[in-house]
Amino acid sequence: MDKIPMTPGGYAALSEEYRVRTSEERPRIVRDISEARAHGDLSENAEYHAAKEQQSLNEGRIKELEALLALADIIDVQKLSGTTVKFGATVKIVDEATDEERKYMIVGDAEADASKGRISISSPIARAMIGKSAGDSFEVTAPGGAKSYEILELKYV
């Protein structure tokens, strides 16, 4: 499998989530299952079924985190530089139609969170920006039609 690009901060956040899920959530869920089992008939025990469902979801996420962490290619953004957009860049763009400005950091898929200004390198807007420089315009095809943006600022922090 291919390596997954990730910032050190993203790797640390996933590692912490893994730690919490394995050392805190897993034992808590096991206690919940044991407690619900003590209530008797399991076929009509909603607490038992809810705890088993929670266990299944937690174990699934743990496996997902293990795979992400194993494939992580940690890229220290502070050591990056350049005048074109690539992984790790913090880019300030302006919508050419509305003059609305936005700032995004291009990160790996596992750590993307658009509400925090972190977009995935595989997102349409990031793919359209890759290789562009400050002052360049680019177009992104969106469900509502094509949108044009201009890169105002580019930095590696």
C-alpha atoms as a PDB file:
ATOM      1  CA  MET A   1       0.000   0.000   0.000  1.00  0.00           C
ATOM      2  CA  ASP A   2       1.007   3.597  -0.507  1.00  0.00           C
ATOM      3  CA  LYS A   3       2.232   5.746   2.331  1.00  0.00           C
ATOM      4  CA  ILE A   4      -0.198   8.343   3.684  1.00  0.00           C
ATOM      5  CA  PRO A   5       1.265  11.855   3.950  1.00  0.00           C
ATOM      6  CA  MET A   6       0.708  13.358   7.383  1.00  0.00           C
ATOM      7  CA  THR A   7       1.925  16.293   9.428  1.00  0.00           C
ATOM      8  CA  PRO A   8       3.561  15.628  12.819  1.00  0.00           C
ATOM      9  CA  GLY A   9       0.523  17.224  14.493  1.00  0.00           C
ATOM     10  CA  GLY A  10      -1.874  14.977  12.604  1.00  0.00           C
ATOM     11  CA  TYR A  11       0.174  11.900  13.521  1.00  0.00           C
ATOM     12  CA  ALA A  12       0.205  12.946  17.190  1.00  0.00           C
ATOM     13  CA  ALA A  13      -3.580  13.469  17.187  1.00  0.00           C
ATOM     14  CA  LEU A  14      -4.206  10.034  15.657  1.00  0.00           C
ATOM     15  CA  SER A  15      -1.759   8.432  18.109  1.00  0.00           C
ATOM     16  CA  GLU A  16      -3.580  10.060  21.020  1.00  0.00           C
ATOM     17  CA  GLU A  17      -6.954   8.885  19.720  1.00  0.00           C
ATOM     18  CA  TYR A  18      -5.511   5.357  19.423  1.00  0.00           C
ATOM     19  CA  ARG A  19      -4.211   5.522  23.002  1.00  0.00           C
ATOM     20  CA  VAL A  20      -7.577   6.724  24.350  1.00  0.00           C
ATOM     21  CA  ARG A  21      -9.538   4.096  22.433  1.00  0.00           C
ATOM     22  CA  THR A  22      -7.297   1.206  23.487  1.00  0.00           C
ATOM     23  CA  SER A  23      -6.451   2.111  27.087  1.00  0.00           C
ATOM     24  CA  GLU A  24      -9.570   3.995  28.214  1.00  0.00           C
ATOM     25  CA  GLU A  25     -12.549   3.253  25.942  1.00  0.00           C
ATOM     26  CA  ARG A  26     -11.915  -0.472  25.482  1.00  0.00           C
ATOM     27  CA  PRO A  27     -11.809  -1.254  29.245  1.00  0.00           C
ATOM     28  CA  ARG A  28     -14.837   0.984  29.890  1.00  0.00           C
ATOM     29  CA  ILE A  29     -16.872  -0.812  27.220  1.00  0.00           C
ATOM     30  CA  VAL A  30     -15.860  -4.218  28.617  1.00  0.00           C
ATOM     31  CA  ARG A  31     -17.091  -3.064  32.055  1.00  0.00           C
ATOM     32  CA  ASP A  32     -20.361  -1.869  30.489  1.00  0.00           C
ATOM     33  CA  ILE A  33     -20.862  -5.248  28.802  1.00  0.00           C
ATOM     34  CA  SER A  34     -20.149  -7.116  32.054  1.00  0.00           C
ATOM     35  CA  GLU A  35     -22.529  -4.894  33.977  1.00  0.00           C
ATOM     36  CA  ALA A  36     -25.279  -5.313  31.374  1.00  0.00           C
ATOM     37  CA  ARG A  37     -24.729  -9.095  31.315  1.00  0.00           C
ATOM     38  CA  ALA A  38     -25.376  -9.178  35.059  1.00  0.00           C
ATOM     39  CA  HIS A  39     -28.900  -7.835  34.456  1.00  0.00           C
ATOM     40  CA  GLY A  40     -30.026 -11.198  33.103  1.00  0.00           C
ATOM     41  CA  ASP A  41     -31.696 -12.198  29.821  1.00  0.00           C
ATOM     42  CA  LEU A  42     -29.436 -10.966  27.013  1.00  0.00           C
ATOM     43  CA  SER A  43     -32.007 -11.313  24.224  1.00  0.00           C
ATOM     44  CA  GLU A  44     -34.068  -8.373  25.537  1.00  0.00           C
ATOM     45  CA  ASN A  45     -31.290  -6.452  27.251  1.00  0.00           C
ATOM     46  CA  ALA A  46     -30.975  -3.064  25.486  1.00  0.00           C
ATOM     47  CA  GLU A  47     -27.961  -2.020  27.595  1.00  0.00           C
ATOM     48  CA  TYR A  48     -26.089  -5.162  26.572  1.00  0.00           C
ATOM     49  CA  HIS A  49     -26.858  -4.693  22.869  1.00  0.00           C
ATOM     50  CA  ALA A  50     -25.898  -0.996  23.021  1.00  0.00           C
ATOM     51  CA  ALA A  51     -22.577  -1.827  24.718  1.00  0.00           C
ATOM     52  CA  LYS A  52     -21.823  -4.553  22.144  1.00  0.00           C
ATOM     53  CA  GLU A  53     -22.577  -2.081  19.337  1.00  0.00           C
ATOM     54  CA  GLN A  54     -20.277   0.461  20.963  1.00  0.00           C
ATOM     55  CA  GLN A  55     -17.572  -2.191  21.265  1.00  0.00           C
ATOM     56  CA  SER A  56     -17.890  -3.037  17.580  1.00  0.00           C
ATOM     57  CA  LEU A  57     -17.594   0.612  16.537  1.00  0.00           C
ATOM     58  CA  ASN A  58     -14.617   1.203  18.845  1.00  0.00           C
ATOM     59  CA  GLU A  59     -12.754  -1.892  17.608  1.00  0.00           C
ATOM     60  CA  GLY A  60     -13.404  -0.883  13.993  1.00  0.00           C
ATOM     61  CA  ARG A  61     -11.945   2.573  14.607  1.00  0.00           C
ATOM     62  CA  ILE A  62      -8.934   1.046  16.410  1.00  0.00           C
ATOM     63  CA  LYS A  63      -8.194  -1.116  13.338  1.00  0.00           C
ATOM     64  CA  GLU A  64      -8.565   1.925  11.086  1.00  0.00           C
ATOM     65  CA  LEU A  65      -6.167   3.939  13.283  1.00  0.00           C
ATOM     66  CA  GLU A  66      -3.633   1.087  13.312  1.00  0.00           C
ATOM     67  CA  ALA A  67      -3.624   1.044   9.505  1.00  0.00           C
ATOM     68  CA  LEU A  68      -3.326   4.844   9.248  1.00  0.00           C
ATOM     69  CA  LEU A  69      -0.472   4.993  11.757  1.00  0.00           C
ATOM     70  CA  ALA A  70       1.364   2.102  10.084  1.00  0.00           C
ATOM     71  CA  LEU A  71       1.189   3.767   6.663  1.00  0.00           C
ATOM     72  CA  ALA A  72       1.933   7.301   7.886  1.00  0.00           C
ATOM     73  CA  ASP A  73       4.630   9.216   6.044  1.00  0.00           C
ATOM     74  CA  ILE A  74       5.322  12.053   8.471  1.00  0.00           C
ATOM     75  CA  ILE A  75       6.330  15.226   6.668  1.00  0.00           C
ATOM     76  CA  ASP A  76       7.623  18.077   8.815  1.00  0.00           C
ATOM     77  CA  VAL A  77       5.971  21.142   7.299  1.00  0.00           C
ATOM     78  CA  GLN A  78       8.446  23.486   9.005  1.00  0.00           C
ATOM     79  CA  LYS A  79      11.226  22.043   6.845  1.00  0.00           C
ATOM     80  CA  LEU A  80       9.303  22.687   3.633  1.00  0.00           C
ATOM     81  CA  SER A  81       9.622  25.802   1.530  1.00  0.00           C
ATOM     82  CA  GLY A  82       9.030  26.953  -1.975  1.00  0.00           C
ATOM     83  CA  THR A  83       6.924  29.234  -4.100  1.00  0.00           C
ATOM     84  CA  THR A  84       4.417  26.669  -5.358  1.00  0.00           C
ATOM     85  CA  VAL A  85       1.564  24.927  -3.562  1.00  0.00           C
ATOM     86  CA  LYS A  86       2.269  21.402  -2.315  1.00  0.00           C
ATOM     87  CA  PHE A  87       1.567  19.280   0.754  1.00  0.00           C
ATOM     88  CA  GLY A  88       1.906  21.310   3.947  1.00  0.00           C
ATOM     89  CA  ALA A  89       1.341  24.706   2.342  1.00  0.00           C
ATOM     90  CA  THR A  90      -0.891  27.255   4.032  1.00  0.00           C
ATOM     91  CA  VAL A  91      -2.693  29.063   1.256  1.00  0.00           C
ATOM     92  CA  LYS A  92      -4.842  32.181   1.419  1.00  0.00           C
ATOM     93  CA  ILE A  93      -7.276  32.319  -1.493  1.00  0.00           C
ATOM     94  CA  VAL A  94     -10.026  34.657  -2.645  1.00  0.00           C
ATOM     95  CA  ASP A  95     -13.204  33.685  -4.481  1.00  0.00           C
ATOM     96  CA  GLU A  96     -13.030  35.819  -7.638  1.00  0.00           C
ATOM     97  CA  ALA A  97     -16.848  36.118  -7.834  1.00  0.00           C
ATOM     98  CA  THR A  98     -17.625  37.055  -4.204  1.00  0.00           C
ATOM     99  CA  ASP A  99     -14.260  38.406  -2.933  1.00  0.00           C
ATOM    100  CA  GLU A 100     -14.614  36.019   0.035  1.00  0.00           C
ATOM    101  CA  GLU A 101     -11.181  35.118   1.448  1.00  0.00           C
ATOM    102  CA  ARG A 102     -10.309  31.739   2.953  1.00  0.00           C
ATOM    103  CA  LYS A 103      -7.167  30.239   4.401  1.00  0.00           C
ATOM    104  CA  TYR A 104      -6.385  26.522   4.127  1.00  0.00           C
ATOM    105  CA  MET A 105      -3.528  24.242   5.086  1.00  0.00           C
ATOM    106  CA  ILE A 106      -3.089  21.259   2.780  1.00  0.00           C
ATOM    107  CA  VAL A 107      -2.786  18.099   4.864  1.00  0.00           C
ATOM    108  CA  GLY A 108      -3.271  14.336   4.525  1.00  0.00           C
ATOM    109  CA  ASP A 109      -6.699  12.722   4.209  1.00  0.00           C
ATOM    110  CA  ALA A 110      -6.709  11.397   7.786  1.00  0.00           C
ATOM    111  CA  GLU A 111      -6.222  14.810   9.386  1.00  0.00           C
ATOM    112  CA  ALA A 112      -8.398  16.950   7.108  1.00  0.00           C
ATOM    113  CA  ASP A 113     -11.039  19.113   8.807  1.00  0.00           C
ATOM    114  CA  ALA A 114     -12.358  21.935   6.634  1.00  0.00           C
ATOM    115  CA  SER A 115     -13.994  23.630   9.633  1.00  0.00           C
ATOM    116  CA  LYS A 116     -10.478  24.105  11.055  1.00  0.00           C
ATOM    117  CA  GLY A 117      -9.006  25.203   7.723  1.00  0.00           C
ATOM    118  CA  ARG A 118      -7.273  21.884   7.036  1.00  0.00           C
ATOM    119  CA  ILE A 119      -8.134  20.398   3.635  1.00  0.00           C
ATOM    120  CA  SER A 120      -7.096  17.052   2.223  1.00  0.00           C
ATOM    121  CA  ILE A 121      -4.448  16.958  -0.464  1.00  0.00           C
ATOM    122  CA  SER A 122      -6.863  14.787  -2.456  1.00  0.00           C
ATOM    123  CA  SER A 123      -9.750  17.289  -2.272  1.00  0.00           C
ATOM    124  CA  PRO A 124     -10.756  18.965  -5.544  1.00  0.00           C
ATOM    125  CA  ILE A 125      -9.735  22.444  -4.358  1.00  0.00           C
ATOM    126  CA  ALA A 126      -6.301  21.271  -3.158  1.00  0.00           C
ATOM    127  CA  ARG A 127      -5.675  19.311  -6.366  1.00  0.00           C
ATOM    128  CA  ALA A 128      -6.522  22.443  -8.369  1.00  0.00           C
ATOM    129  CA  MET A 129      -4.017  24.500  -6.314  1.00  0.00           C
ATOM    130  CA  ILE A 130      -1.064  22.073  -6.481  1.00  0.00           C
ATOM    131  CA  GLY A 131       1.811  23.581  -8.451  1.00  0.00           C
ATOM    132  CA  LYS A 132       0.339  27.091  -8.501  1.00  0.00           C
ATOM    133  CA  SER A 133       2.034  30.190  -7.025  1.00  0.00           C
ATOM    134  CA  ALA A 134       0.848  33.375  -5.328  1.00  0.00           C
ATOM    135  CA  GLY A 135      -1.005  35.503  -7.856  1.00  0.00           C
ATOM    136  CA  ASP A 136      -2.145  32.498  -9.925  1.00  0.00           C
ATOM    137  CA  SER A 137      -5.812  31.826 -10.568  1.00  0.00           C
ATOM    138  CA  PHE A 138      -7.387  28.381 -10.663  1.00  0.00           C
ATOM    139  CA  GLU A 139     -10.811  26.903 -11.236  1.00  0.00           C
ATOM    140  CA  VAL A 140     -12.630  24.208  -9.272  1.00  0.00           C
ATOM    141  CA  THR A 141     -15.658  22.377 -10.602  1.00  0.00           C
ATOM    142  CA  ALA A 142     -18.261  22.262  -7.837  1.00  0.00           C
ATOM    143  CA  PRO A 143     -21.802  20.838  -7.772  1.00  0.00           C
ATOM    144  CA  GLY A 144     -23.160  24.376  -8.249  1.00  0.00           C
ATOM    145  CA  GLY A 145     -20.848  25.054 -11.199  1.00  0.00           C
ATOM    146  CA  ALA A 146     -17.243  26.108 -11.688  1.00  0.00           C
ATOM    147  CA  LYS A 147     -15.705  28.554  -9.192  1.00  0.00           C
ATOM    148  CA  SER A 148     -12.613  30.646  -9.801  1.00  0.00           C
ATOM    149  CA  TYR A 149     -10.126  31.504  -7.084  1.00  0.00           C
ATOM    150  CA  GLU A 150      -6.896  33.459  -6.877  1.00  0.00           C
ATOM    151  CA  ILE A 151      -4.016  32.575  -4.569  1.00  0.00           C
ATOM    152  CA  LEU A 152      -3.244  35.642  -2.451  1.00  0.00           C
ATOM    153  CA  GLU A 153      -0.601  34.222  -0.151  1.00  0.00           C
ATOM    154  CA  LEU A 154       1.401  31.024   0.173  1.00  0.00           C
ATOM    155  CA  LYS A 155       3.590  29.995   3.082  1.00  0.00           C
ATOM    156  CA  TYR A 156       4.967  26.986   4.885  1.00  0.00           C
ATOM    157  CA  VAL A 157       4.610  27.281   8.651  1.00  0.00           C
END
